[in-house]
C-alpha atoms as a PDB file:
ATOM      1  CA  MET A   1      42.449  11.011 -29.559  1.00  0.00           C
ATOM      2  CA  ARG A   2      44.830  11.696 -32.179  1.00  0.00           C
ATOM      3  CA  ARG A   3      43.115  14.930 -32.497  1.00  0.00           C
ATOM      4  CA  VAL A   4      43.646  16.008 -28.821  1.00  0.00           C
ATOM      5  CA  THR A   5      47.504  14.580 -29.249  1.00  0.00           C
ATOM      6  CA  ARG A   6      47.664  16.731 -32.555  1.00  0.00           C
ATOM      7  CA  ARG A   7      46.580  19.888 -30.443  1.00  0.00           C
ATOM      8  CA  PHE A   8      48.482  19.060 -27.078  1.00  0.00           C
ATOM      9  CA  ALA A   9      51.529  18.360 -29.509  1.00  0.00           C
ATOM     10  CA  GLU A  10      50.951  21.971 -31.342  1.00  0.00           C
ATOM     11  CA  VAL A  11      51.385  23.712 -27.398  1.00  0.00           C
ATOM     12  CA  VAL A  12      53.881  21.867 -26.111  1.00  0.00           C
ATOM     13  CA  CYS A  13      55.966  21.737 -29.102  1.00  0.00           C
ATOM     14  CA  PRO A  14      58.930  24.325 -30.289  1.00  0.00           C
ATOM     15  CA  PRO A  15      57.435  26.271 -32.879  1.00  0.00           C
ATOM     16  CA  GLY A  16      59.688  25.008 -35.614  1.00  0.00           C
ATOM     17  CA  MET A  17      56.827  21.798 -35.800  1.00  0.00           C
ATOM     18  CA  ARG A  18      54.222  23.572 -37.284  1.00  0.00           C
ATOM     19  CA  ALA A  19      56.606  25.954 -39.061  1.00  0.00           C
ATOM     20  CA  HIS A  20      57.847  22.796 -40.667  1.00  0.00           C
ATOM     21  CA  HIS A  21      54.819  20.533 -40.566  1.00  0.00           C
ATOM     22  CA  ARG A  22      55.998  18.487 -38.885  1.00  0.00           C
ATOM     23  CA  THR A  23      53.415  17.661 -36.852  1.00  0.00           C
ATOM     24  CA  ASP A  24      52.095  14.257 -38.446  1.00  0.00           C
ATOM     25  CA  ARG A  25      56.037  13.095 -38.032  1.00  0.00           C
ATOM     26  CA  VAL A  26      55.304  14.026 -34.204  1.00  0.00           C
ATOM     27  CA  LEU A  27      51.948  11.725 -34.280  1.00  0.00           C
ATOM     28  CA  ALA A  28      53.310   9.148 -36.408  1.00  0.00           C
ATOM     29  CA  GLU A  29      56.055   9.104 -33.441  1.00  0.00           C
ATOM     30  CA  PHE A  30      53.770   9.452 -30.486  1.00  0.00           C
ATOM     31  CA  GLU A  31      51.344   6.126 -32.040  1.00  0.00           C
ATOM     32  CA  LEU A  32      54.777   4.004 -32.343  1.00  0.00           C
ATOM     33  CA  MET A  33      55.565   4.635 -28.708  1.00  0.00           C
ATOM     34  CA  LEU A  34      52.184   4.306 -27.788  1.00  0.00           C
ATOM     35  CA  ALA A  35      51.915   1.206 -29.182  1.00  0.00           C
ATOM     36  CA  ALA A  36      55.700  -0.507 -27.635  1.00  0.00           C
ATOM     37  CA  LEU A  37      53.882   0.357 -24.314  1.00  0.00           C
ATOM     38  CA  ALA A  38      52.166  -2.605 -22.003  1.00  0.00           C
ATOM     39  CA  PRO A  39      48.483  -2.571 -22.348  1.00  0.00           C
ATOM     40  CA  THR A  40      47.801  -1.109 -18.925  1.00  0.00           C
ATOM     41  CA  ALA A  41      50.276   1.914 -19.729  1.00  0.00           C
ATOM     42  CA  ARG A  42      48.553   2.544 -23.520  1.00  0.00           C
ATOM     43  CA  ARG A  43      45.550   2.626 -21.734  1.00  0.00           C
ATOM     44  CA  ALA A  44      46.112   5.192 -18.603  1.00  0.00           C
ATOM     45  CA  LEU A  45      47.392   7.075 -20.966  1.00  0.00           C
ATOM     46  CA  THR A  46      44.994   7.143 -23.353  1.00  0.00           C
ATOM     47  CA  ALA A  47      42.720   8.226 -20.411  1.00  0.00           C
ATOM     48  CA  ALA A  48      44.734  10.526 -19.383  1.00  0.00           C
ATOM     49  CA  ILE A  49      44.476  11.949 -22.672  1.00  0.00           C
ATOM     50  CA  VAL A  50      40.548  12.397 -23.347  1.00  0.00           C
ATOM     51  CA  VAL A  51      40.695  13.770 -19.314  1.00  0.00           C
ATOM     52  CA  LEU A  52      42.947  16.506 -20.509  1.00  0.00           C
ATOM     53  CA  ASP A  53      40.353  16.851 -23.802  1.00  0.00           C
ATOM     54  CA  HIS A  54      37.407  16.982 -21.840  1.00  0.00           C
ATOM     55  CA  GLY A  55      38.709  18.983 -18.796  1.00  0.00           C
ATOM     56  CA  ALA A  56      38.850  21.544 -20.650  1.00  0.00           C
ATOM     57  CA  ARG A  57      35.410  22.180 -20.570  1.00  0.00           C
ATOM     58  CA  LEU A  58      35.654  22.978 -16.656  1.00  0.00           C
ATOM     59  CA  TYR A  59      38.500  25.728 -17.578  1.00  0.00           C
ATOM     60  CA  PRO A  60      36.886  29.284 -17.717  1.00  0.00           C
ATOM     61  CA  ARG A  61      38.278  30.361 -20.414  1.00  0.00           C
ATOM     62  CA  ALA A  62      37.452  27.962 -22.460  1.00  0.00           C
ATOM     63  CA  ARG A  63      34.269  28.504 -21.852  1.00  0.00           C
ATOM     64  CA  GLY A  64      32.624  24.552 -22.363  1.00  0.00           C
ATOM     65  CA  ARG A  65      34.271  24.205 -24.960  1.00  0.00           C
ATOM     66  CA  ARG A  66      36.802  21.361 -25.122  1.00  0.00           C
ATOM     67  CA  PHE A  67      40.258  21.451 -25.100  1.00  0.00           C
ATOM     68  CA  THR A  68      40.832  20.439 -29.570  1.00  0.00           C
ATOM     69  CA  ARG A  69      38.360  23.138 -29.905  1.00  0.00           C
ATOM     70  CA  LEU A  70      40.461  26.450 -27.904  1.00  0.00           C
ATOM     71  CA  ASP A  71      42.514  29.121 -30.104  1.00  0.00           C
ATOM     72  CA  ASP A  72      46.334  28.628 -29.411  1.00  0.00           C
ATOM     73  CA  HIS A  73      46.169  31.318 -26.598  1.00  0.00           C
ATOM     74  CA  ALA A  74      42.761  29.310 -24.678  1.00  0.00           C
ATOM     75  CA  ALA A  75      44.956  26.345 -25.080  1.00  0.00           C
ATOM     76  CA  GLU A  76      48.097  27.707 -24.055  1.00  0.00           C
ATOM     77  CA  ALA A  77      46.719  29.476 -20.797  1.00  0.00           C
ATOM     78  CA  TYR A  78      44.888  25.893 -19.904  1.00  0.00           C
ATOM     79  CA  ILE A  79      48.083  24.109 -19.987  1.00  0.00           C
ATOM     80  CA  ARG A  80      49.784  26.682 -18.107  1.00  0.00           C
ATOM     81  CA  ALA A  81      47.046  26.516 -15.619  1.00  0.00           C
ATOM     82  CA  LEU A  82      46.944  22.645 -15.061  1.00  0.00           C
ATOM     83  CA  LEU A  83      51.100  23.160 -14.916  1.00  0.00           C
ATOM     84  CA  ALA A  84      50.727  25.681 -11.948  1.00  0.00           C
ATOM     85  CA  ARG A  85      47.745  23.830 -10.167  1.00  0.00           C
ATOM     86  CA  GLY A  86      50.091  21.376  -8.249  1.00  0.00           C
ATOM     87  CA  GLY A  87      49.165  17.985  -7.806  1.00  0.00           C
ATOM     88  CA  ILE A  88      48.423  15.180 -10.228  1.00  0.00           C
ATOM     89  CA  ALA A  89      46.704  17.409 -12.684  1.00  0.00           C
ATOM     90  CA  THR A  90      50.282  18.799 -13.130  1.00  0.00           C
ATOM     91  CA  GLN A  91      52.169  15.575 -12.938  1.00  0.00           C
ATOM     92  CA  LEU A  92      49.865  14.440 -15.779  1.00  0.00           C
ATOM     93  CA  VAL A  93      50.969  17.124 -18.128  1.00  0.00           C
ATOM     94  CA  GLN A  94      54.358  17.032 -17.526  1.00  0.00           C
ATOM     95  CA  ARG A  95      54.704  13.344 -18.106  1.00  0.00           C
ATOM     96  CA  LEU A  96      52.404  13.692 -20.814  1.00  0.00           C
ATOM     97  CA  ARG A  97      54.840  16.722 -22.559  1.00  0.00           C
ATOM     98  CA  GLY A  98      57.591  14.658 -21.553  1.00  0.00           C
ATOM     99  CA  LEU A  99      56.664  12.190 -23.822  1.00  0.00           C
ATOM    100  CA  VAL A 100      55.345  14.059 -27.012  1.00  0.00           C
ATOM    101  CA  VAL A 101      58.008  16.377 -26.739  1.00  0.00           C
ATOM    102  CA  MET A 102      60.842  13.897 -26.784  1.00  0.00           C
ATOM    103  CA  CYS A 103      58.582  12.208 -30.132  1.00  0.00           C
ATOM    104  CA  TYR A 104      59.075  15.635 -31.561  1.00  0.00           C
ATOM    105  CA  TYR A 105      62.945  15.405 -30.810  1.00  0.00           C
ATOM    106  CA  GLU A 106      62.803  11.519 -32.533  1.00  0.00           C
ATOM    107  CA  LEU A 107      62.703  13.587 -35.529  1.00  0.00           C
ATOM    108  CA  PRO A 108      65.933  13.041 -37.762  1.00  0.00           C
ATOM    109  CA  PRO A 109      65.242  16.945 -39.137  1.00  0.00           C
ATOM    110  CA  VAL A 110      65.299  17.799 -35.921  1.00  0.00           C
ATOM    111  CA  GLN A 111      68.058  16.270 -34.527  1.00  0.00           C
ATOM    112  CA  ARG A 112      70.195  17.447 -37.397  1.00  0.00           C
ATOM    113  CA  GLU A 113      68.834  21.265 -36.713  1.00  0.00           C
ATOM    114  CA  ILE A 114      70.477  20.532 -32.962  1.00  0.00           C
ATOM    115  CA  GLY A 115      73.401  19.249 -33.677  1.00  0.00           C
ATOM    116  CA  TYR A 116      72.640  15.998 -32.314  1.00  0.00           C
ATOM    117  CA  ASP A 117      74.365  12.848 -33.943  1.00  0.00           C
ATOM    118  CA  PRO A 118      74.594   9.536 -31.655  1.00  0.00           C
ATOM    119  CA  ALA A 119      76.125   7.681 -34.110  1.00  0.00           C
ATOM    120  CA  PRO A 120      79.827   8.498 -33.467  1.00  0.00           C
ATOM    121  CA  TYR A 121      78.733   8.309 -29.578  1.00  0.00           C
ATOM    122  CA  ILE A 122      77.352   4.901 -30.213  1.00  0.00           C
ATOM    123  CA  ALA A 123      80.113   3.387 -32.470  1.00  0.00           C
ATOM    124  CA  ALA A 124      82.703   4.322 -30.286  1.00  0.00           C
ATOM    125  CA  VAL A 125      80.689   3.090 -26.741  1.00  0.00           C
ATOM    126  CA  SER A 126      79.720  -0.307 -28.961  1.00  0.00           C
ATOM    127  CA  ARG A 127      83.268  -0.704 -29.668  1.00  0.00           C
ATOM    128  CA  ARG A 128      84.607  -0.411 -26.007  1.00  0.00           C
ATOM    129  CA  ARG A 129      82.330  -3.103 -24.683  1.00  0.00           C
ATOM    130  CA  LEU A 130      82.979  -5.284 -27.443  1.00  0.00           C
ATOM    131  CA  GLU A 131      87.189  -5.244 -26.181  1.00  0.00           C
ATOM    132  CA  SER A 132      85.985  -5.411 -22.542  1.00  0.00           C
ATOM    133  CA  TYR A 133      82.738  -7.911 -22.933  1.00  0.00           C
ATOM    134  CA  GLY A 134      83.789  -9.809 -26.266  1.00  0.00           C
ATOM    135  CA  PRO A 135      83.940 -12.941 -24.693  1.00  0.00           C
ATOM    136  CA  GLU A 136      81.005 -12.790 -22.537  1.00  0.00           C
ATOM    137  CA  ILE A 137      78.629 -11.268 -25.102  1.00  0.00           C
ATOM    138  CA  ALA A 138      79.502 -14.149 -27.503  1.00  0.00           C
ATOM    139  CA  ARG A 139      78.389 -16.380 -24.932  1.00  0.00           C
ATOM    140  CA  GLY A 140      75.934 -15.342 -24.202  1.00  0.00           C
ATOM    141  CA  GLU A 141      74.175 -15.061 -27.543  1.00  0.00           C
ATOM    142  CA  ALA A 142      75.751 -18.336 -28.281  1.00  0.00           C
ATOM    143  CA  MET A 143      73.041 -19.206 -25.187  1.00  0.00           C
ATOM    144  CA  ILE A 144      70.662 -17.235 -27.282  1.00  0.00           C
ATOM    145  CA  MET A 145      71.243 -18.357 -30.856  1.00  0.00           C
ATOM    146  CA  GLY A 146      72.689 -21.869 -30.343  1.00  0.00           C
ATOM    147  CA  GLN A 147      74.955 -23.425 -32.829  1.00  0.00           C
ATOM    148  CA  ASN A 148      73.117 -23.075 -35.716  1.00  0.00           C
ATOM    149  CA  GLY A 149      72.091 -19.922 -35.421  1.00  0.00           C
ATOM    150  CA  ARG A 150      68.578 -20.136 -34.653  1.00  0.00           C
ATOM    151  CA  TYR A 151      66.850 -19.170 -31.424  1.00  0.00           C
ATOM    152  CA  LEU A 152      66.321 -20.650 -28.797  1.00  0.00           C
ATOM    153  CA  ALA A 153      64.455 -19.999 -25.281  1.00  0.00           C
ATOM    154  CA  LYS A 154      66.174 -21.556 -21.991  1.00  0.00           C
ATOM    155  CA  THR A 155      63.818 -23.271 -20.104  1.00  0.00           C
ATOM    156  CA  THR A 156      64.582 -24.000 -16.428  1.00  0.00           C
ATOM    157  CA  HIS A 157      65.629 -27.870 -17.791  1.00  0.00           C
ATOM    158  CA  ASP A 158      67.095 -27.300 -20.988  1.00  0.00           C
ATOM    159  CA  HIS A 159      67.365 -25.038 -24.154  1.00  0.00           C
ATOM    160  CA  GLU A 160      63.722 -25.665 -26.235  1.00  0.00           C
ATOM    161  CA  ASP A 161      63.898 -25.072 -29.609  1.00  0.00           C
ATOM    162  CA  VAL A 162      61.211 -21.953 -30.789  1.00  0.00           C
ATOM    163  CA  SER A 163      62.130 -21.314 -34.283  1.00  0.00           C
ATOM    164  CA  GLY A 164      59.410 -22.712 -35.033  1.00  0.00           C
ATOM    165  CA  GLU A 165      62.031 -25.102 -37.545  1.00  0.00           C
ATOM    166  CA  GLY A 166      62.346 -28.422 -35.494  1.00  0.00           C
END
């Protein structure tokens, strides 16, 4: 699956990905994202990637080859054809492209290149929320963490210590 995702990323991500040798980092981000998905979603996405790879065999310019075996021009044409086709194939490629490209733009060097620095905004929003909702946040944290700082899970009857310490 990694080879298919690599090839797909090479086709759908900006040229800077290859030029700056970022493909492995994009794949690592994608794998982290996959690991965070629910098992059903992960299996569905894996199946979609396999279908994308083997489905290329039916594309005339592929001449029976899998997507991973296509040259750049044929691979790009295959993806363009799927996007132009409409229906479920288009939706599948659009969603997969969105995930892979999002992984590209999550890379810190890419964020710096495009001038994306969310830290000041996040800090400002965090301050504003603390000013507005500080007491509610503190109560919520106390309910979760308890008086002694250990994690507590609320049951239907009472608080139960699930920290493993007592």
